[in-house]
């Protein structure tokens, strides 16, 4: 038996060794892409490589990364700013970025957290799972936050190359990236305004259902509470921001008022500002949106300026 185990190890060791270095090659080149995986690699790279180190960071979903322009904030507030919004995901994975940011970068002075009706939900599928591929091997933090989704299995986190078998188009992207040193930049400090006109997303949603009832995830609500408390303890200022939302889309959500109330209660509990732009004049003007939830580039720049003006009036933020 002992002889068999030794022979098996002698057989497997070079295979695993080769697989590891092929894995490193694939991961190194894949994460150079600024277009694959919805362009998320550039932000993950900066977080993990310790290149954020900003006075202000912006958290949230696509309603953060497409709607709050960090360059405008930096220029007007004279504070370095980076947008860490993650497309399509709720607070569960926004918190992953937060924890990795604190682990690899200097602590921010201010967090602008873009919250919405979906923030404290938790989707079942690991949307855009490709964004985790280059970083997840033997990474316990990423495994802990992503394994509960319908996406990866335990073996994907511990054995080289296995996870890449799930992606047919990885090979094409890896070799295209191998030929260049750096891909064309798409996101600027994590931000990418969308220069799009109004689409049919909202009309399609209305045809499918009369209204939408948000189901909050209890674990996410508790984690959000813990996150606010820990930031308070670490002397990190936080503001909660509900960015403009097209008025007809607001009416479509059955329990929207109770979700807004939850954020107001968090605001009171931790004595942090909650800037709710639901009733802002932008919310009734379709010209500023490309769907009911998202501002287009013109709208995002107008809103960012409004947010800057609001931040300038906050006495607690003047000491940052």
Protein backbone atom coordinates (compact mmCIF):
# COMPACT_ATOMS: atom_id res chain seq x y z
CA UNK A 1 0.00 0.00 0.00
CA UNK A 2 2.80 2.38 0.92
CA UNK A 3 4.56 1.62 -2.35
CA UNK A 4 1.35 2.36 -4.28
CA UNK A 5 0.91 5.72 -2.54
CA UNK A 6 4.51 6.69 -3.31
CA UNK A 7 4.08 5.74 -6.97
CA UNK A 8 0.82 7.67 -7.14
CA UNK A 9 2.47 10.76 -5.69
CA UNK A 10 5.37 10.45 -8.10
CA UNK A 11 2.86 10.26 -10.95
CA UNK A 12 0.66 13.15 -9.78
CA UNK A 13 3.34 15.60 -8.61
CA UNK A 14 4.66 16.61 -12.05
CA UNK A 15 1.10 16.83 -13.40
CA UNK A 16 0.03 19.18 -10.60
CA UNK A 17 3.29 21.11 -10.96
CA UNK A 18 2.71 21.66 -14.69
CA UNK A 19 -0.98 22.42 -14.14
CA UNK A 20 -0.08 25.09 -11.60
CA UNK A 21 2.27 26.93 -13.96
CA UNK A 22 -0.23 26.71 -16.83
CA UNK A 23 -2.82 28.10 -14.40
CA UNK A 24 -0.50 30.99 -13.51
CA UNK A 25 0.06 31.71 -17.22
CA UNK A 26 -3.67 31.77 -17.95
CA UNK A 27 -4.53 33.87 -14.90
CA UNK A 28 -1.74 36.37 -15.48
CA UNK A 29 -2.82 37.06 -19.05
CA UNK A 30 -6.57 36.86 -18.51
CA UNK A 31 -6.59 39.58 -15.87
CA UNK A 32 -4.96 42.01 -18.32
CA UNK A 33 -8.26 42.18 -20.21
CA UNK A 34 -10.35 45.31 -19.71
CA UNK A 35 -13.33 43.98 -21.65
CA UNK A 36 -13.76 40.31 -20.65
CA UNK A 37 -15.87 39.63 -17.53
CA UNK A 38 -17.68 42.97 -17.95
CA UNK A 39 -14.40 44.84 -17.46
CA UNK A 40 -14.14 43.91 -13.77
CA UNK A 41 -10.48 42.76 -13.86
CA UNK A 42 -8.96 46.23 -13.77
CA UNK A 43 -10.75 46.98 -10.50
CA UNK A 44 -9.92 43.61 -8.93
CA UNK A 45 -6.27 44.04 -9.96
CA UNK A 46 -6.04 47.43 -8.30
CA UNK A 47 -7.68 46.14 -5.11
CA UNK A 48 -5.52 43.04 -4.76
CA UNK A 49 -2.28 44.70 -5.94
CA UNK A 50 -2.70 47.53 -3.44
CA UNK A 51 -3.13 50.29 -6.03
CA UNK A 52 -6.31 51.93 -4.70
CA UNK A 53 -5.03 53.83 -1.64
CA UNK A 54 -7.67 56.53 -2.07
CA UNK A 55 -9.14 59.04 0.35
CA UNK A 56 -12.63 58.29 -0.94
CA UNK A 57 -13.96 54.96 -2.23
CA UNK A 58 -17.36 54.35 -3.78
CA UNK A 59 -19.19 51.06 -3.15
CA UNK A 60 -22.28 49.61 -4.76
CA UNK A 61 -23.51 47.76 -7.82
CA UNK A 62 -23.74 48.95 -11.42
CA UNK A 63 -25.68 51.90 -9.98
CA UNK A 64 -22.33 52.94 -8.52
CA UNK A 65 -19.80 52.18 -11.25
CA UNK A 66 -21.89 53.74 -14.03
CA UNK A 67 -23.32 56.68 -12.06
CA UNK A 68 -20.71 58.25 -9.76
CA UNK A 69 -17.71 59.80 -11.49
CA UNK A 70 -14.61 59.60 -9.23
CA UNK A 71 -12.59 62.00 -11.37
CA UNK A 72 -15.15 64.76 -10.81
CA UNK A 73 -15.08 64.07 -7.07
CA UNK A 74 -11.28 64.16 -6.99
CA UNK A 75 -11.08 67.41 -8.92
CA UNK A 76 -13.64 69.28 -6.83
CA UNK A 77 -12.91 67.88 -3.37
CA UNK A 78 -9.12 67.57 -3.78
CA UNK A 79 -9.32 64.02 -2.47
CA UNK A 80 -8.20 60.92 -4.37
CA UNK A 81 -11.24 58.82 -5.31
CA UNK A 82 -11.87 55.34 -6.72
CA UNK A 83 -15.15 53.68 -7.73
CA UNK A 84 -15.39 50.04 -6.58
CA UNK A 85 -18.92 49.37 -7.82
CA UNK A 86 -19.39 45.74 -8.92
CA UNK A 87 -21.79 44.97 -11.76
CA UNK A 88 -24.88 42.92 -10.98
CA UNK A 89 -24.09 42.06 -7.38
CA UNK A 90 -25.58 42.82 -4.00
CA UNK A 91 -23.88 43.73 -0.73
CA UNK A 92 -22.54 40.21 -0.14
CA UNK A 93 -19.87 40.67 -2.82
CA UNK A 94 -19.58 44.41 -2.34
CA UNK A 95 -18.35 43.48 1.14
CA UNK A 96 -15.77 41.12 -0.38
CA UNK A 97 -14.26 44.08 -2.19
CA UNK A 98 -14.36 46.08 1.03
CA UNK A 99 -12.49 43.42 3.02
CA UNK A 100 -9.85 42.92 0.31
CA UNK A 101 -9.45 46.68 0.02
CA UNK A 102 -8.66 47.01 3.73
CA UNK A 103 -6.31 44.03 3.56
CA UNK A 104 -4.22 45.33 0.66
CA UNK A 105 -4.55 49.12 0.69
CA UNK A 106 -4.46 52.07 3.05
CA UNK A 107 -7.71 52.70 4.87
CA UNK A 108 -10.04 55.20 3.10
CA UNK A 109 -11.20 58.31 4.89
CA UNK A 110 -14.69 58.21 3.39
CA UNK A 111 -16.90 55.52 1.88
CA UNK A 112 -19.73 56.64 -0.39
CA UNK A 113 -22.03 53.63 -0.43
CA UNK A 114 -24.59 53.57 -3.23
CA UNK A 115 -27.57 51.61 -1.89
CA UNK A 116 -30.76 50.60 -3.68
CA UNK A 117 -33.65 48.15 -3.56
CA UNK A 118 -31.36 45.24 -4.47
CA UNK A 119 -28.43 45.93 -2.12
CA UNK A 120 -29.64 43.68 0.71
CA UNK A 121 -30.91 40.89 -1.52
CA UNK A 122 -28.62 37.99 -2.43
CA UNK A 123 -28.93 36.55 -5.89
CA UNK A 124 -28.61 32.77 -6.27
CA UNK A 125 -26.37 32.68 -9.33
CA UNK A 126 -22.78 33.90 -9.38
CA UNK A 127 -23.37 36.47 -12.12
CA UNK A 128 -20.28 37.18 -14.23
CA UNK A 129 -18.39 34.39 -12.45
CA UNK A 130 -15.51 34.83 -14.92
CA UNK A 131 -14.34 37.88 -12.97
CA UNK A 132 -13.13 35.64 -10.11
CA UNK A 133 -11.19 33.12 -12.22
CA UNK A 134 -7.67 34.66 -12.05
CA UNK A 135 -7.78 35.27 -8.29
CA UNK A 136 -9.69 32.41 -6.64
CA UNK A 137 -7.15 29.57 -6.54
CA UNK A 138 -6.26 28.99 -2.85
CA UNK A 139 -7.86 32.32 -1.91
CA UNK A 140 -9.91 31.66 1.23
CA UNK A 141 -11.66 35.04 1.29
CA UNK A 142 -12.95 34.72 -2.27
CA UNK A 143 -13.97 31.12 -1.64
CA UNK A 144 -15.86 32.01 1.55
CA UNK A 145 -17.85 34.74 -0.21
CA UNK A 146 -18.58 33.00 -3.52
CA UNK A 147 -19.04 29.30 -2.76
CA UNK A 148 -22.61 29.82 -1.50
CA UNK A 149 -23.70 30.86 -5.02
CA UNK A 150 -24.63 28.56 -7.88
CA UNK A 151 -21.33 28.78 -9.70
CA UNK A 152 -18.18 27.11 -8.43
CA UNK A 153 -17.54 23.84 -6.59
CA UNK A 154 -14.95 23.34 -3.86
CA UNK A 155 -12.60 21.60 -6.30
CA UNK A 156 -12.46 24.78 -8.41
CA UNK A 157 -10.78 26.67 -5.57
CA UNK A 158 -8.11 24.08 -4.74
CA UNK A 159 -6.99 22.27 -7.91
CA UNK A 160 -5.27 24.27 -10.68
CA UNK A 161 -7.00 24.59 -14.08
CA UNK A 162 -10.25 22.84 -13.10
CA UNK A 163 -12.28 26.07 -12.92
CA UNK A 164 -11.17 27.14 -16.40
CA UNK A 165 -12.95 24.15 -17.92
CA UNK A 166 -16.22 26.02 -17.25
CA UNK A 167 -15.31 28.78 -19.72
CA UNK A 168 -15.07 27.97 -23.40
CA UNK A 169 -13.89 31.41 -24.47
CA UNK A 170 -11.07 31.81 -21.91
CA UNK A 171 -8.45 30.36 -24.26
CA UNK A 172 -9.25 32.93 -26.95
CA UNK A 173 -9.02 35.84 -24.50
CA UNK A 174 -5.84 34.56 -22.85
CA UNK A 175 -3.89 34.34 -26.08
CA UNK A 176 -5.16 37.70 -27.32
CA UNK A 177 -3.94 39.25 -24.05
CA UNK A 178 -0.61 37.37 -24.24
CA UNK A 179 0.22 39.33 -27.40
CA UNK A 180 -0.07 42.73 -25.70
CA UNK A 181 1.30 44.35 -22.55
CA UNK A 182 -1.89 46.22 -21.65
CA UNK A 183 -5.46 46.24 -22.91
CA UNK A 184 -7.26 49.44 -23.88
CA UNK A 185 -8.50 51.19 -20.74
CA UNK A 186 -12.29 51.13 -20.37
CA UNK A 187 -12.97 52.08 -16.75
CA UNK A 188 -11.41 55.21 -15.28
CA UNK A 189 -10.75 54.70 -11.57
CA UNK A 190 -13.45 52.03 -11.68
CA UNK A 191 -16.03 54.26 -13.38
CA UNK A 192 -17.56 53.81 -16.81
CA UNK A 193 -20.37 56.12 -17.89
CA UNK A 194 -22.81 54.61 -20.36
CA UNK A 195 -23.55 56.87 -23.32
CA UNK A 196 -26.78 55.04 -24.13
CA UNK A 197 -30.36 56.06 -24.90
CA UNK A 198 -33.45 54.67 -23.18
CA UNK A 199 -33.92 50.95 -23.87
CA UNK A 200 -36.81 48.49 -23.51
CA UNK A 201 -35.75 46.80 -20.23
CA UNK A 202 -38.50 48.41 -18.16
CA UNK A 203 -41.23 47.71 -20.72
CA UNK A 204 -40.22 44.04 -20.80
CA UNK A 205 -40.33 43.85 -16.99
CA UNK A 206 -43.85 45.32 -16.89
CA UNK A 207 -45.07 42.72 -19.37
CA UNK A 208 -43.75 39.90 -17.18
CA UNK A 209 -45.20 41.07 -13.85
CA UNK A 210 -47.56 43.63 -12.35
CA UNK A 211 -45.05 44.72 -9.71
CA UNK A 212 -41.88 43.54 -8.03
CA UNK A 213 -41.59 42.49 -4.38
CA UNK A 214 -38.03 42.58 -3.01
CA UNK A 215 -37.01 39.65 -0.81
CA UNK A 216 -34.29 40.76 1.59
CA UNK A 217 -31.55 38.34 2.65
CA UNK A 218 -31.31 38.23 6.45
CA UNK A 219 -27.60 37.34 6.42
CA UNK A 220 -26.89 40.33 4.17
CA UNK A 221 -28.86 42.68 6.44
CA UNK A 222 -26.85 41.48 9.45
CA UNK A 223 -23.58 41.77 7.53
CA UNK A 224 -24.46 45.32 6.47
CA UNK A 225 -25.14 46.24 10.09
CA UNK A 226 -21.80 44.73 11.15
CA UNK A 227 -20.00 46.54 8.32
CA UNK A 228 -21.40 49.93 9.37
CA UNK A 229 -20.45 49.29 12.98
CA UNK A 230 -16.89 48.22 12.08
CA UNK A 231 -16.36 51.26 9.86
CA UNK A 232 -17.55 53.45 12.70
CA UNK A 233 -15.07 51.75 15.04
CA UNK A 234 -12.25 52.22 12.52
CA UNK A 235 -13.05 55.93 12.14
CA UNK A 236 -14.00 55.54 8.49
CA UNK A 237 -16.70 58.04 7.53
CA UNK A 238 -19.64 56.64 5.55
CA UNK A 239 -22.46 58.23 3.62
CA UNK A 240 -25.32 56.19 2.19
CA UNK A 241 -26.56 57.42 -1.18
CA UNK A 242 -29.69 56.40 -3.07
CA UNK A 243 -28.99 57.65 -6.58
CA UNK A 244 -31.82 58.90 -8.85
CA UNK A 245 -34.21 56.25 -10.10
CA UNK A 246 -36.75 56.79 -12.88
CA UNK A 247 -40.11 57.56 -11.26
CA UNK A 248 -42.10 54.84 -13.07
CA UNK A 249 -39.52 52.29 -11.93
CA UNK A 250 -39.97 53.40 -8.33
CA UNK A 251 -43.72 52.76 -8.53
CA UNK A 252 -43.05 49.27 -9.90
CA UNK A 253 -41.44 48.04 -6.64
CA UNK A 254 -44.16 46.96 -4.19
CA UNK A 255 -42.18 47.26 -0.94
CA UNK A 256 -39.83 50.08 -1.89
CA UNK A 257 -40.90 52.31 1.02
CA UNK A 258 -39.99 49.67 3.61
CA UNK A 259 -36.52 49.29 2.09
CA UNK A 260 -35.95 53.05 2.14
CA UNK A 261 -37.07 53.03 5.79
CA UNK A 262 -34.48 50.35 6.56
CA UNK A 263 -31.71 52.60 5.24
CA UNK A 264 -33.09 55.52 7.23
CA UNK A 265 -32.98 53.39 10.36
CA UNK A 266 -29.36 52.41 9.70
CA UNK A 267 -28.60 56.10 9.20
CA UNK A 268 -30.09 56.98 12.58
CA UNK A 269 -28.54 54.01 14.38
CA UNK A 270 -24.99 54.89 13.34
CA UNK A 271 -25.46 58.64 12.92
CA UNK A 272 -24.40 58.61 9.28
CA UNK A 273 -25.89 60.65 6.42
CA UNK A 274 -28.40 59.08 4.06
CA UNK A 275 -28.78 61.11 0.88
CA UNK A 276 -31.92 59.93 -0.88
CA UNK A 277 -32.28 61.34 -4.41
CA UNK A 278 -35.49 59.40 -5.15
CA UNK A 279 -37.47 62.63 -5.39
CA UNK A 280 -34.83 64.62 -7.22
CA UNK A 281 -36.06 66.36 -10.37
CA UNK A 282 -33.84 64.05 -12.44
CA UNK A 283 -36.10 61.11 -11.55
CA UNK A 284 -38.94 62.36 -13.75
CA UNK A 285 -36.79 63.01 -16.82
CA UNK A 286 -36.25 59.96 -18.99
CA UNK A 287 -33.54 61.79 -20.95
CA UNK A 288 -31.09 61.13 -18.09
CA UNK A 289 -31.65 57.34 -17.99
CA UNK A 290 -31.00 54.35 -20.20
CA UNK A 291 -33.37 52.18 -18.14
CA UNK A 292 -35.45 52.62 -14.98
CA UNK A 293 -32.51 51.86 -12.67
CA UNK A 294 -29.53 53.43 -14.42
CA UNK A 295 -28.49 56.92 -15.43
CA UNK A 296 -26.80 57.39 -18.77
CA UNK A 297 -23.49 59.25 -18.99
CA UNK A 298 -25.13 62.67 -19.19
CA UNK A 299 -27.26 61.85 -16.17
CA UNK A 300 -24.36 60.38 -14.19
CA UNK A 301 -22.26 63.51 -14.60
CA UNK A 302 -25.16 65.77 -13.63
CA UNK A 303 -25.87 63.61 -10.59
CA UNK A 304 -22.20 63.43 -9.56
CA UNK A 305 -22.11 67.23 -9.50
CA UNK A 306 -25.23 67.28 -7.30
CA UNK A 307 -23.60 64.78 -4.95
CA UNK A 308 -20.43 66.87 -4.80
CA UNK A 309 -22.46 69.95 -3.88
CA UNK A 310 -24.20 67.98 -1.13
CA UNK A 311 -20.93 66.61 0.26
CA UNK A 312 -19.47 70.10 0.41
CA UNK A 313 -22.24 71.14 2.81
CA UNK A 314 -21.56 68.29 5.25
CA UNK A 315 -19.61 69.73 8.19
CA UNK A 316 -18.37 66.32 9.34
CA UNK A 317 -16.69 65.70 5.98
CA UNK A 318 -14.79 68.97 5.88
CA UNK A 319 -12.14 67.56 8.25
CA UNK A 320 -11.26 64.72 5.87
